């Protein structure tokens, strides 16, 4: 019987947390509407789930996890509200992901169009 671990070790947990914090800081830094109070819970949930999912698949680089989560969020709009209206669009990310953002001197910069 093969056991599947239900948790990451400390190093992997730190990587996941750093990727999430960097992704959220990026969105706040560009003034994205996805960080507004009415959208932040859904945005943060999507980012967190994507980062954990990709870490489960073996991705361990903070920058790659962050970039993947931001690209995923850009291409997957937030769910609608109870009346069927879209809560927010990823439109606020378009073009802004093309700018260079230096979150850490050793990390590569986001300069490609995601």
PDB file of N, CA and C in Angstrom:
ATOM      1  N   UNK A   1       0.840  -1.173   0.000  1.00  0.00           N
ATOM      2  CA  UNK A   1       0.000   0.000   0.000  1.00  0.00           C
ATOM      3  C   UNK A   1       0.893   1.247   0.000  1.00  0.00           C
ATOM      4  N   UNK A   2       0.647   2.146  -0.924  1.00  0.00           N
ATOM      5  CA  UNK A   2       1.414   3.382  -1.029  1.00  0.00           C
ATOM      6  C   UNK A   2       0.682   4.488  -0.294  1.00  0.00           C
ATOM      7  N   UNK A   3       1.404   5.145   0.615  1.00  0.00           N
ATOM      8  CA  UNK A   3       0.800   6.241   1.362  1.00  0.00           C
ATOM      9  C   UNK A   3       1.062   7.551   0.648  1.00  0.00           C
ATOM     10  N   UNK A   4       0.045   8.393   0.564  1.00  0.00           N
ATOM     11  CA  UNK A   4       0.173   9.716  -0.011  1.00  0.00           C
ATOM     12  C   UNK A   4       0.237  10.724   1.132  1.00  0.00           C
ATOM     13  N   UNK A   5       1.318  11.518   1.180  1.00  0.00           N
ATOM     14  CA  UNK A   5       1.402  12.498   2.264  1.00  0.00           C
ATOM     15  C   UNK A   5       0.303  13.548   2.145  1.00  0.00           C
ATOM     16  N   UNK A   6      -0.263  13.919   3.290  1.00  0.00           N
ATOM     17  CA  UNK A   6      -1.339  14.901   3.310  1.00  0.00           C
ATOM     18  C   UNK A   6      -0.816  16.306   3.547  1.00  0.00           C
ATOM     19  N   UNK A   7       0.476  16.446   3.760  1.00  0.00           N
ATOM     20  CA  UNK A   7       1.050  17.756   4.037  1.00  0.00           C
ATOM     21  C   UNK A   7       2.426  17.848   3.413  1.00  0.00           C
ATOM     22  N   UNK A   8       2.867  19.086   3.201  1.00  0.00           N
ATOM     23  CA  UNK A   8       4.209  19.332   2.704  1.00  0.00           C
ATOM     24  C   UNK A   8       5.164  19.434   3.881  1.00  0.00           C
ATOM     25  N   UNK A   9       6.445  19.175   3.648  1.00  0.00           N
ATOM     26  CA  UNK A   9       7.415  19.429   4.699  1.00  0.00           C
ATOM     27  C   UNK A   9       7.618  20.944   4.817  1.00  0.00           C
ATOM     28  N   UNK A  10       8.382  21.375   5.793  1.00  0.00           N
ATOM     29  CA  UNK A  10       8.528  22.805   6.059  1.00  0.00           C
ATOM     30  C   UNK A  10       9.042  23.575   4.840  1.00  0.00           C
ATOM     31  N   UNK A  11      10.044  23.056   4.172  1.00  0.00           N
ATOM     32  CA  UNK A  11      10.633  23.742   3.016  1.00  0.00           C
ATOM     33  C   UNK A  11       9.598  23.944   1.910  1.00  0.00           C
ATOM     34  N   UNK A  12       8.835  22.919   1.622  1.00  0.00           N
ATOM     35  CA  UNK A  12       7.814  23.015   0.581  1.00  0.00           C
ATOM     36  C   UNK A  12       6.686  23.954   1.010  1.00  0.00           C
ATOM     37  N   UNK A  13       6.348  23.914   2.292  1.00  0.00           N
ATOM     38  CA  UNK A  13       5.320  24.820   2.799  1.00  0.00           C
ATOM     39  C   UNK A  13       5.783  26.265   2.663  1.00  0.00           C
ATOM     40  N   UNK A  14       7.035  26.526   2.990  1.00  0.00           N
ATOM     41  CA  UNK A  14       7.598  27.873   2.869  1.00  0.00           C
ATOM     42  C   UNK A  14       7.554  28.336   1.407  1.00  0.00           C
ATOM     43  N   UNK A  15       7.868  27.448   0.488  1.00  0.00           N
ATOM     44  CA  UNK A  15       7.843  27.774  -0.938  1.00  0.00           C
ATOM     45  C   UNK A  15       6.436  28.137  -1.390  1.00  0.00           C
ATOM     46  N   UNK A  16       5.456  27.343  -0.981  1.00  0.00           N
ATOM     47  CA  UNK A  16       4.061  27.606  -1.336  1.00  0.00           C
ATOM     48  C   UNK A  16       3.608  28.949  -0.756  1.00  0.00           C
ATOM     49  N   UNK A  17       3.934  29.196   0.502  1.00  0.00           N
ATOM     50  CA  UNK A  17       3.551  30.465   1.145  1.00  0.00           C
ATOM     51  C   UNK A  17       4.209  31.655   0.470  1.00  0.00           C
ATOM     52  N   UNK A  18       5.485  31.533   0.146  1.00  0.00           N
ATOM     53  CA  UNK A  18       6.193  32.632  -0.519  1.00  0.00           C
ATOM     54  C   UNK A  18       5.615  32.911  -1.908  1.00  0.00           C
ATOM     55  N   UNK A  19       5.298  31.857  -2.646  1.00  0.00           N
ATOM     56  CA  UNK A  19       4.709  32.037  -3.977  1.00  0.00           C
ATOM     57  C   UNK A  19       3.369  32.753  -3.882  1.00  0.00           C
ATOM     58  N   UNK A  20       2.547  32.342  -2.916  1.00  0.00           N
ATOM     59  CA  UNK A  20       1.249  32.980  -2.725  1.00  0.00           C
ATOM     60  C   UNK A  20       1.419  34.448  -2.332  1.00  0.00           C
ATOM     61  N   UNK A  21       2.280  34.716  -1.362  1.00  0.00           N
ATOM     62  CA  UNK A  21       2.506  36.094  -0.909  1.00  0.00           C
ATOM     63  C   UNK A  21       3.021  36.973  -2.040  1.00  0.00           C
ATOM     64  N   UNK A  22       3.925  36.443  -2.860  1.00  0.00           N
ATOM     65  CA  UNK A  22       4.463  37.214  -3.985  1.00  0.00           C
ATOM     66  C   UNK A  22       3.398  37.484  -5.045  1.00  0.00           C
ATOM     67  N   UNK A  23       2.556  36.489  -5.320  1.00  0.00           N
ATOM     68  CA  UNK A  23       1.489  36.675  -6.304  1.00  0.00           C
ATOM     69  C   UNK A  23       0.500  37.738  -5.820  1.00  0.00           C
ATOM     70  N   UNK A  24       0.120  37.679  -4.557  1.00  0.00           N
ATOM     71  CA  UNK A  24      -0.829  38.644  -4.011  1.00  0.00           C
ATOM     72  C   UNK A  24      -0.221  40.043  -3.986  1.00  0.00           C
ATOM     73  N   UNK A  25       1.047  40.139  -3.618  1.00  0.00           N
ATOM     74  CA  UNK A  25       1.737  41.429  -3.597  1.00  0.00           C
ATOM     75  C   UNK A  25       1.801  42.025  -5.003  1.00  0.00           C
ATOM     76  N   UNK A  26       1.994  41.174  -5.995  1.00  0.00           N
ATOM     77  CA  UNK A  26       2.016  41.654  -7.379  1.00  0.00           C
ATOM     78  C   UNK A  26       0.667  42.256  -7.756  1.00  0.00           C
ATOM     79  N   UNK A  27      -0.408  41.536  -7.457  1.00  0.00           N
ATOM     80  CA  UNK A  27      -1.747  42.033  -7.788  1.00  0.00           C
ATOM     81  C   UNK A  27      -2.038  43.350  -7.070  1.00  0.00           C
ATOM     82  N   UNK A  28      -1.650  43.437  -5.807  1.00  0.00           N
ATOM     83  CA  UNK A  28      -1.846  44.680  -5.065  1.00  0.00           C
ATOM     84  C   UNK A  28      -0.997  45.798  -5.663  1.00  0.00           C
ATOM     85  N   UNK A  29       0.208  45.475  -6.064  1.00  0.00           N
ATOM     86  CA  UNK A  29       1.122  46.466  -6.621  1.00  0.00           C
ATOM     87  C   UNK A  29       0.640  47.088  -7.920  1.00  0.00           C
ATOM     88  N   UNK A  30      -0.099  46.321  -8.717  1.00  0.00           N
ATOM     89  CA  UNK A  30      -0.615  46.874  -9.974  1.00  0.00           C
ATOM     90  C   UNK A  30      -2.009  47.466  -9.803  1.00  0.00           C
ATOM     91  N   UNK A  31      -2.523  47.398  -8.586  1.00  0.00           N
ATOM     92  CA  UNK A  31      -3.848  47.963  -8.323  1.00  0.00           C
ATOM     93  C   UNK A  31      -4.976  47.179  -8.965  1.00  0.00           C
ATOM     94  N   UNK A  32      -4.825  45.866  -9.045  1.00  0.00           N
ATOM     95  CA  UNK A  32      -5.826  45.017  -9.689  1.00  0.00           C
ATOM     96  C   UNK A  32      -7.157  45.053  -8.941  1.00  0.00           C
ATOM     97  N   UNK A  33      -8.246  45.053  -9.709  1.00  0.00           N
ATOM     98  CA  UNK A  33      -9.570  44.989  -9.095  1.00  0.00           C
ATOM     99  C   UNK A  33      -9.806  43.639  -8.419  1.00  0.00           C
ATOM    100  N   UNK A  34      -8.955  42.663  -8.691  1.00  0.00           N
ATOM    101  CA  UNK A  34      -9.070  41.355  -8.065  1.00  0.00           C
ATOM    102  C   UNK A  34      -8.708  41.395  -6.581  1.00  0.00           C
ATOM    103  N   UNK A  35      -8.081  42.492  -6.141  1.00  0.00           N
ATOM    104  CA  UNK A  35      -7.723  42.630  -4.719  1.00  0.00           C
ATOM    105  C   UNK A  35      -8.752  43.443  -3.942  1.00  0.00           C
ATOM    106  N   UNK A  36      -9.769  43.946  -4.636  1.00  0.00           N
ATOM    107  CA  UNK A  36     -10.834  44.692  -3.959  1.00  0.00           C
ATOM    108  C   UNK A  36     -11.556  43.758  -2.985  1.00  0.00           C
ATOM    109  N   UNK A  37     -12.077  44.308  -1.881  1.00  0.00           N
ATOM    110  CA  UNK A  37     -12.730  43.459  -0.880  1.00  0.00           C
ATOM    111  C   UNK A  37     -13.790  42.503  -1.437  1.00  0.00           C
ATOM    112  N   UNK A  38     -14.553  42.946  -2.415  1.00  0.00           N
ATOM    113  CA  UNK A  38     -15.613  42.083  -2.962  1.00  0.00           C
ATOM    114  C   UNK A  38     -15.057  40.929  -3.802  1.00  0.00           C
ATOM    115  N   UNK A  39     -13.799  41.019  -4.222  1.00  0.00           N
ATOM    116  CA  UNK A  39     -13.191  39.995  -5.069  1.00  0.00           C
ATOM    117  C   UNK A  39     -12.055  39.243  -4.401  1.00  0.00           C
ATOM    118  N   UNK A  40     -11.552  39.763  -3.293  1.00  0.00           N
ATOM    119  CA  UNK A  40     -10.300  39.230  -2.751  1.00  0.00           C
ATOM    120  C   UNK A  40     -10.409  37.780  -2.273  1.00  0.00           C
ATOM    121  N   UNK A  41     -11.510  37.401  -1.655  1.00  0.00           N
ATOM    122  CA  UNK A  41     -11.628  36.025  -1.178  1.00  0.00           C
ATOM    123  C   UNK A  41     -11.554  35.039  -2.339  1.00  0.00           C
ATOM    124  N   UNK A  42     -12.312  35.303  -3.390  1.00  0.00           N
ATOM    125  CA  UNK A  42     -12.299  34.406  -4.550  1.00  0.00           C
ATOM    126  C   UNK A  42     -10.930  34.410  -5.228  1.00  0.00           C
ATOM    127  N   UNK A  43     -10.329  35.586  -5.371  1.00  0.00           N
ATOM    128  CA  UNK A  43      -9.013  35.693  -6.009  1.00  0.00           C
ATOM    129  C   UNK A  43      -7.963  34.935  -5.215  1.00  0.00           C
ATOM    130  N   UNK A  44      -7.949  35.145  -3.904  1.00  0.00           N
ATOM    131  CA  UNK A  44      -6.961  34.491  -3.048  1.00  0.00           C
ATOM    132  C   UNK A  44      -7.168  32.975  -3.034  1.00  0.00           C
ATOM    133  N   UNK A  45      -8.420  32.546  -3.066  1.00  0.00           N
ATOM    134  CA  UNK A  45      -8.712  31.111  -3.080  1.00  0.00           C
ATOM    135  C   UNK A  45      -8.202  30.471  -4.364  1.00  0.00           C
ATOM    136  N   UNK A  46      -8.452  31.115  -5.493  1.00  0.00           N
ATOM    137  CA  UNK A  46      -7.990  30.581  -6.781  1.00  0.00           C
ATOM    138  C   UNK A  46      -6.467  30.518  -6.800  1.00  0.00           C
ATOM    139  N   UNK A  47      -5.798  31.589  -6.360  1.00  0.00           N
ATOM    140  CA  UNK A  47      -4.334  31.597  -6.324  1.00  0.00           C
ATOM    141  C   UNK A  47      -3.812  30.463  -5.439  1.00  0.00           C
ATOM    142  N   UNK A  48      -4.360  30.354  -4.236  1.00  0.00           N
ATOM    143  CA  UNK A  48      -3.880  29.341  -3.288  1.00  0.00           C
ATOM    144  C   UNK A  48      -4.080  27.924  -3.830  1.00  0.00           C
ATOM    145  N   UNK A  49      -5.261  27.646  -4.358  1.00  0.00           N
ATOM    146  CA  UNK A  49      -5.536  26.307  -4.875  1.00  0.00           C
ATOM    147  C   UNK A  49      -4.613  25.963  -6.042  1.00  0.00           C
ATOM    148  N   UNK A  50      -4.370  26.943  -6.915  1.00  0.00           N
ATOM    149  CA  UNK A  50      -3.503  26.677  -8.061  1.00  0.00           C
ATOM    150  C   UNK A  50      -2.063  26.429  -7.614  1.00  0.00           C
ATOM    151  N   UNK A  51      -1.583  27.228  -6.676  1.00  0.00           N
ATOM    152  CA  UNK A  51      -0.207  27.064  -6.204  1.00  0.00           C
ATOM    153  C   UNK A  51      -0.038  25.706  -5.524  1.00  0.00           C
ATOM    154  N   UNK A  52      -0.967  25.327  -4.673  1.00  0.00           N
ATOM    155  CA  UNK A  52      -0.890  24.026  -4.008  1.00  0.00           C
ATOM    156  C   UNK A  52      -0.988  22.897  -5.026  1.00  0.00           C
ATOM    157  N   UNK A  53      -1.881  23.033  -6.001  1.00  0.00           N
ATOM    158  CA  UNK A  53      -2.034  22.014  -7.041  1.00  0.00           C
ATOM    159  C   UNK A  53      -0.726  21.816  -7.808  1.00  0.00           C
ATOM    160  N   UNK A  54      -0.100  22.920  -8.204  1.00  0.00           N
ATOM    161  CA  UNK A  54       1.142  22.810  -8.975  1.00  0.00           C
ATOM    162  C   UNK A  54       2.291  22.301  -8.101  1.00  0.00           C
ATOM    163  N   UNK A  55       2.306  22.673  -6.840  1.00  0.00           N
ATOM    164  CA  UNK A  55       3.325  22.144  -5.931  1.00  0.00           C
ATOM    165  C   UNK A  55       3.141  20.641  -5.751  1.00  0.00           C
ATOM    166  N   UNK A  56       1.887  20.190  -5.700  1.00  0.00           N
ATOM    167  CA  UNK A  56       1.603  18.755  -5.622  1.00  0.00           C
ATOM    168  C   UNK A  56       2.125  18.019  -6.845  1.00  0.00           C
ATOM    169  N   UNK A  57       2.135  18.708  -7.982  1.00  0.00           N
ATOM    170  CA  UNK A  57       2.619  18.103  -9.223  1.00  0.00           C
ATOM    171  C   UNK A  57       4.140  18.151  -9.329  1.00  0.00           C
ATOM    172  N   UNK A  58       4.796  18.795  -8.347  1.00  0.00           N
ATOM    173  CA  UNK A  58       6.257  18.783  -8.334  1.00  0.00           C
ATOM    174  C   UNK A  58       6.934  20.113  -8.597  1.00  0.00           C
ATOM    175  N   UNK A  59       6.175  21.139  -8.935  1.00  0.00           N
ATOM    176  CA  UNK A  59       6.779  22.454  -9.167  1.00  0.00           C
ATOM    177  C   UNK A  59       7.200  23.030  -7.821  1.00  0.00           C
ATOM    178  N   UNK A  60       8.462  23.406  -7.677  1.00  0.00           N
ATOM    179  CA  UNK A  60       8.972  23.847  -6.375  1.00  0.00           C
ATOM    180  C   UNK A  60       9.616  25.226  -6.402  1.00  0.00           C
ATOM    181  N   UNK A  61       9.714  25.851  -7.556  1.00  0.00           N
ATOM    182  CA  UNK A  61      10.336  27.167  -7.663  1.00  0.00           C
ATOM    183  C   UNK A  61       9.302  28.253  -7.345  1.00  0.00           C
ATOM    184  N   UNK A  62       9.636  29.150  -6.417  1.00  0.00           N
ATOM    185  CA  UNK A  62       8.708  30.193  -5.981  1.00  0.00           C
ATOM    186  C   UNK A  62       8.251  31.050  -7.155  1.00  0.00           C
ATOM    187  N   UNK A  63       9.191  31.482  -7.976  1.00  0.00           N
ATOM    188  CA  UNK A  63       8.857  32.360  -9.101  1.00  0.00           C
ATOM    189  C   UNK A  63       7.963  31.647 -10.112  1.00  0.00           C
ATOM    190  N   UNK A  64       8.259  30.399 -10.405  1.00  0.00           N
ATOM    191  CA  UNK A  64       7.442  29.654 -11.361  1.00  0.00           C
ATOM    192  C   UNK A  64       6.043  29.386 -10.806  1.00  0.00           C
ATOM    193  N   UNK A  65       5.955  29.086  -9.530  1.00  0.00           N
ATOM    194  CA  UNK A  65       4.638  28.896  -8.915  1.00  0.00           C
ATOM    195  C   UNK A  65       3.830  30.186  -8.962  1.00  0.00           C
ATOM    196  N   UNK A  66       4.472  31.309  -8.634  1.00  0.00           N
ATOM    197  CA  UNK A  66       3.802  32.616  -8.666  1.00  0.00           C
ATOM    198  C   UNK A  66       3.324  32.937 -10.073  1.00  0.00           C
ATOM    199  N   UNK A  67       4.214  32.808 -11.052  1.00  0.00           N
ATOM    200  CA  UNK A  67       3.867  33.146 -12.435  1.00  0.00           C
ATOM    201  C   UNK A  67       2.755  32.260 -12.972  1.00  0.00           C
ATOM    202  N   UNK A  68       2.817  30.965 -12.650  1.00  0.00           N
ATOM    203  CA  UNK A  68       1.777  30.046 -13.096  1.00  0.00           C
ATOM    204  C   UNK A  68       0.426  30.427 -12.499  1.00  0.00           C
ATOM    205  N   UNK A  69       0.418  30.748 -11.210  1.00  0.00           N
ATOM    206  CA  UNK A  69      -0.843  31.116 -10.548  1.00  0.00           C
ATOM    207  C   UNK A  69      -1.422  32.401 -11.125  1.00  0.00           C
ATOM    208  N   UNK A  70      -0.568  33.385 -11.415  1.00  0.00           N
ATOM    209  CA  UNK A  70      -1.047  34.639 -12.010  1.00  0.00           C
ATOM    210  C   UNK A  70      -1.597  34.401 -13.414  1.00  0.00           C
ATOM    211  N   UNK A  71      -0.919  33.570 -14.190  1.00  0.00           N
ATOM    212  CA  UNK A  71      -1.408  33.252 -15.539  1.00  0.00           C
ATOM    213  C   UNK A  71      -2.732  32.497 -15.456  1.00  0.00           C
ATOM    214  N   UNK A  72      -2.831  31.573 -14.515  1.00  0.00           N
ATOM    215  CA  UNK A  72      -4.073  30.817 -14.336  1.00  0.00           C
ATOM    216  C   UNK A  72      -5.217  31.752 -13.973  1.00  0.00           C
ATOM    217  N   UNK A  73      -4.959  32.666 -13.062  1.00  0.00           N
ATOM    218  CA  UNK A  73      -5.985  33.624 -12.642  1.00  0.00           C
ATOM    219  C   UNK A  73      -6.399  34.520 -13.806  1.00  0.00           C
ATOM    220  N   UNK A  74      -5.445  34.902 -14.626  1.00  0.00           N
ATOM    221  CA  UNK A  74      -5.743  35.760 -15.775  1.00  0.00           C
ATOM    222  C   UNK A  74      -6.672  35.060 -16.765  1.00  0.00           C
ATOM    223  N   UNK A  75      -6.464  33.771 -16.945  1.00  0.00           N
ATOM    224  CA  UNK A  75      -7.240  33.030 -17.949  1.00  0.00           C
ATOM    225  C   UNK A  75      -8.475  32.330 -17.401  1.00  0.00           C
ATOM    226  N   UNK A  76      -8.729  32.471 -16.107  1.00  0.00           N
ATOM    227  CA  UNK A  76      -9.895  31.851 -15.482  1.00  0.00           C
ATOM    228  C   UNK A  76     -10.619  32.890 -14.648  1.00  0.00           C
ATOM    229  N   UNK A  77     -11.632  33.530 -15.222  1.00  0.00           N
ATOM    230  CA  UNK A  77     -12.352  34.589 -14.504  1.00  0.00           C
ATOM    231  C   UNK A  77     -12.942  34.090 -13.193  1.00  0.00           C
ATOM    232  N   UNK A  78     -13.134  35.037 -12.291  1.00  0.00           N
ATOM    233  CA  UNK A  78     -13.765  34.704 -11.015  1.00  0.00           C
ATOM    234  C   UNK A  78     -15.191  34.241 -11.256  1.00  0.00           C
ATOM    235  N   UNK A  79     -15.710  33.395 -10.371  1.00  0.00           N
ATOM    236  CA  UNK A  79     -17.089  32.927 -10.529  1.00  0.00           C
ATOM    237  C   UNK A  79     -18.076  34.077 -10.358  1.00  0.00           C
ATOM    238  N   UNK A  80     -19.281  33.903 -10.872  1.00  0.00           N
ATOM    239  CA  UNK A  80     -20.313  34.928 -10.762  1.00  0.00           C
ATOM    240  C   UNK A  80     -20.897  35.007  -9.368  1.00  0.00           C
ATOM    241  N   UNK A  81     -21.607  36.096  -9.112  1.00  0.00           N
ATOM    242  CA  UNK A  81     -22.280  36.233  -7.826  1.00  0.00           C
ATOM    243  C   UNK A  81     -23.593  35.451  -7.865  1.00  0.00           C
ATOM    244  N   UNK A  82     -24.392  35.562  -6.845  1.00  0.00           N
ATOM    245  CA  UNK A  82     -25.629  34.771  -6.761  1.00  0.00           C
ATOM    246  C   UNK A  82     -26.634  35.125  -7.849  1.00  0.00           C
ATOM    247  N   UNK A  83     -26.529  36.331  -8.424  1.00  0.00           N
ATOM    248  CA  UNK A  83     -27.445  36.749  -9.480  1.00  0.00           C
ATOM    249  C   UNK A  83     -26.909  36.428 -10.867  1.00  0.00           C
ATOM    250  N   UNK A  84     -25.766  35.731 -10.911  1.00  0.00           N
ATOM    251  CA  UNK A  84     -25.208  35.348 -12.197  1.00  0.00           C
ATOM    252  C   UNK A  84     -24.305  36.394 -12.820  1.00  0.00           C
ATOM    253  N   UNK A  85     -24.069  37.497 -12.137  1.00  0.00           N
ATOM    254  CA  UNK A  85     -23.175  38.515 -12.659  1.00  0.00           C
ATOM    255  C   UNK A  85     -21.731  38.131 -12.374  1.00  0.00           C
ATOM    256  N   UNK A  86     -20.864  38.426 -13.313  1.00  0.00           N
ATOM    257  CA  UNK A  86     -19.457  38.137 -13.087  1.00  0.00           C
ATOM    258  C   UNK A  86     -18.928  39.104 -12.039  1.00  0.00           C
ATOM    259  N   UNK A  87     -18.251  38.584 -11.031  1.00  0.00           N
ATOM    260  CA  UNK A  87     -17.759  39.409  -9.933  1.00  0.00           C
ATOM    261  C   UNK A  87     -16.634  40.318 -10.407  1.00  0.00           C
ATOM    262  N   UNK A  88     -15.705  39.790 -11.155  1.00  0.00           N
ATOM    263  CA  UNK A  88     -14.574  40.582 -11.646  1.00  0.00           C
ATOM    264  C   UNK A  88     -14.025  39.903 -12.885  1.00  0.00           C
ATOM    265  N   UNK A  89     -13.253  40.615 -13.611  1.00  0.00           N
ATOM    266  CA  UNK A  89     -12.616  40.029 -14.781  1.00  0.00           C
ATOM    267  C   UNK A  89     -11.116  40.042 -14.580  1.00  0.00           C
ATOM    268  N   UNK A  90     -10.465  39.214 -15.328  1.00  0.00           N
ATOM    269  CA  UNK A  90      -9.011  39.220 -15.281  1.00  0.00           C
ATOM    270  C   UNK A  90      -8.468  40.292 -16.221  1.00  0.00           C
ATOM    271  N   UNK A  91      -9.359  41.090 -16.778  1.00  0.00           N
ATOM    272  CA  UNK A  91      -8.974  42.154 -17.693  1.00  0.00           C
ATOM    273  C   UNK A  91      -7.947  43.089 -17.058  1.00  0.00           C
ATOM    274  N   UNK A  92      -8.036  43.283 -15.757  1.00  0.00           N
ATOM    275  CA  UNK A  92      -7.109  44.179 -15.079  1.00  0.00           C
ATOM    276  C   UNK A  92      -5.677  43.673 -15.132  1.00  0.00           C
ATOM    277  N   UNK A  93      -5.490  42.391 -15.422  1.00  0.00           N
ATOM    278  CA  UNK A  93      -4.141  41.843 -15.503  1.00  0.00           C
ATOM    279  C   UNK A  93      -3.535  41.989 -16.890  1.00  0.00           C
ATOM    280  N   UNK A  94      -4.374  42.089 -17.900  1.00  0.00           N
ATOM    281  CA  UNK A  94      -3.861  42.144 -19.264  1.00  0.00           C
ATOM    282  C   UNK A  94      -2.983  43.363 -19.448  1.00  0.00           C
ATOM    283  N   UNK A  95      -1.860  43.140 -20.048  1.00  0.00           N
ATOM    284  CA  UNK A  95      -0.920  44.224 -20.279  1.00  0.00           C
ATOM    285  C   UNK A  95      -0.053  44.501 -19.069  1.00  0.00           C
ATOM    286  N   UNK A  96      -0.620  44.387 -17.880  1.00  0.00           N
ATOM    287  CA  UNK A  96       0.146  44.698 -16.677  1.00  0.00           C
ATOM    288  C   UNK A  96       1.128  43.585 -16.345  1.00  0.00           C
ATOM    289  N   UNK A  97       0.860  42.370 -16.781  1.00  0.00           N
ATOM    290  CA  UNK A  97       1.795  41.289 -16.545  1.00  0.00           C
ATOM    291  C   UNK A  97       3.010  41.407 -17.462  1.00  0.00           C
ATOM    292  N   UNK A  98       2.919  42.293 -18.427  1.00  0.00           N
ATOM    293  CA  UNK A  98       4.041  42.479 -19.334  1.00  0.00           C
ATOM    294  C   UNK A  98       5.123  43.360 -18.716  1.00  0.00           C
ATOM    295  N   UNK A  99       4.774  44.112 -17.691  1.00  0.00           N
ATOM    296  CA  UNK A  99       5.761  44.993 -17.073  1.00  0.00           C
ATOM    297  C   UNK A  99       6.727  44.173 -16.245  1.00  0.00           C
ATOM    298  N   UNK A 100       7.916  44.671 -16.102  1.00  0.00           N
ATOM    299  CA  UNK A 100       8.924  43.973 -15.301  1.00  0.00           C
ATOM    300  C   UNK A 100       8.683  44.262 -13.834  1.00  0.00           C
ATOM    301  N   UNK A 101       8.622  43.219 -13.060  1.00  0.00           N
ATOM    302  CA  UNK A 101       8.426  43.351 -11.627  1.00  0.00           C
ATOM    303  C   UNK A 101       9.539  42.579 -10.950  1.00  0.00           C
ATOM    304  N   UNK A 102      10.309  43.268 -10.138  1.00  0.00           N
ATOM    305  CA  UNK A 102      11.411  42.626  -9.449  1.00  0.00           C
ATOM    306  C   UNK A 102      11.007  42.406  -8.005  1.00  0.00           C
ATOM    307  N   UNK A 103      10.509  41.194  -7.699  1.00  0.00           N
ATOM    308  CA  UNK A 103      10.064  40.889  -6.353  1.00  0.00           C
ATOM    309  C   UNK A 103      11.221  40.490  -5.451  1.00  0.00           C
ATOM    310  N   UNK A 104      12.275  40.000  -6.026  1.00  0.00           N
ATOM    311  CA  UNK A 104      13.453  39.612  -5.261  1.00  0.00           C
ATOM    312  C   UNK A 104      14.627  39.651  -6.231  1.00  0.00           C
ATOM    313  N   UNK A 105      15.773  40.170  -5.811  1.00  0.00           N
ATOM    314  CA  UNK A 105      16.909  40.302  -6.725  1.00  0.00           C
ATOM    315  C   UNK A 105      17.309  39.016  -7.427  1.00  0.00           C
ATOM    316  N   UNK A 106      17.134  37.878  -6.783  1.00  0.00           N
ATOM    317  CA  UNK A 106      17.546  36.620  -7.407  1.00  0.00           C
ATOM    318  C   UNK A 106      16.474  36.021  -8.295  1.00  0.00           C
ATOM    319  N   UNK A 107      15.257  36.526  -8.211  1.00  0.00           N
ATOM    320  CA  UNK A 107      14.178  35.987  -9.028  1.00  0.00           C
ATOM    321  C   UNK A 107      14.205  36.630 -10.406  1.00  0.00           C
ATOM    322  N   UNK A 108      13.763  35.886 -11.371  1.00  0.00           N
ATOM    323  CA  UNK A 108      13.664  36.491 -12.699  1.00  0.00           C
ATOM    324  C   UNK A 108      12.485  37.454 -12.716  1.00  0.00           C
ATOM    325  N   UNK A 109      12.462  38.317 -13.669  1.00  0.00           N
ATOM    326  CA  UNK A 109      11.400  39.312 -13.740  1.00  0.00           C
ATOM    327  C   UNK A 109      10.265  38.809 -14.625  1.00  0.00           C
ATOM    328  N   UNK A 110       9.064  39.215 -14.289  1.00  0.00           N
ATOM    329  CA  UNK A 110       7.925  38.915 -15.152  1.00  0.00           C
ATOM    330  C   UNK A 110       8.024  39.931 -16.290  1.00  0.00           C
ATOM    331  N   UNK A 111       8.324  39.445 -17.472  1.00  0.00           N
ATOM    332  CA  UNK A 111       8.452  40.354 -18.596  1.00  0.00           C
ATOM    333  C   UNK A 111       7.756  39.807 -19.832  1.00  0.00           C
ATOM    334  N   UNK A 112       7.246  38.617 -19.708  1.00  0.00           N
ATOM    335  CA  UNK A 112       6.567  38.033 -20.841  1.00  0.00           C
ATOM    336  C   UNK A 112       5.077  38.253 -20.718  1.00  0.00           C
ATOM    337  N   UNK A 113       4.411  38.192 -21.810  1.00  0.00           N
ATOM    338  CA  UNK A 113       2.952  38.329 -21.804  1.00  0.00           C
ATOM    339  C   UNK A 113       2.373  36.982 -21.408  1.00  0.00           C
ATOM    340  N   UNK A 114       1.712  36.936 -20.280  1.00  0.00           N
ATOM    341  CA  UNK A 114       1.126  35.672 -19.825  1.00  0.00           C
ATOM    342  C   UNK A 114      -0.285  35.532 -20.325  1.00  0.00           C
TER     343      UNK A 114
END
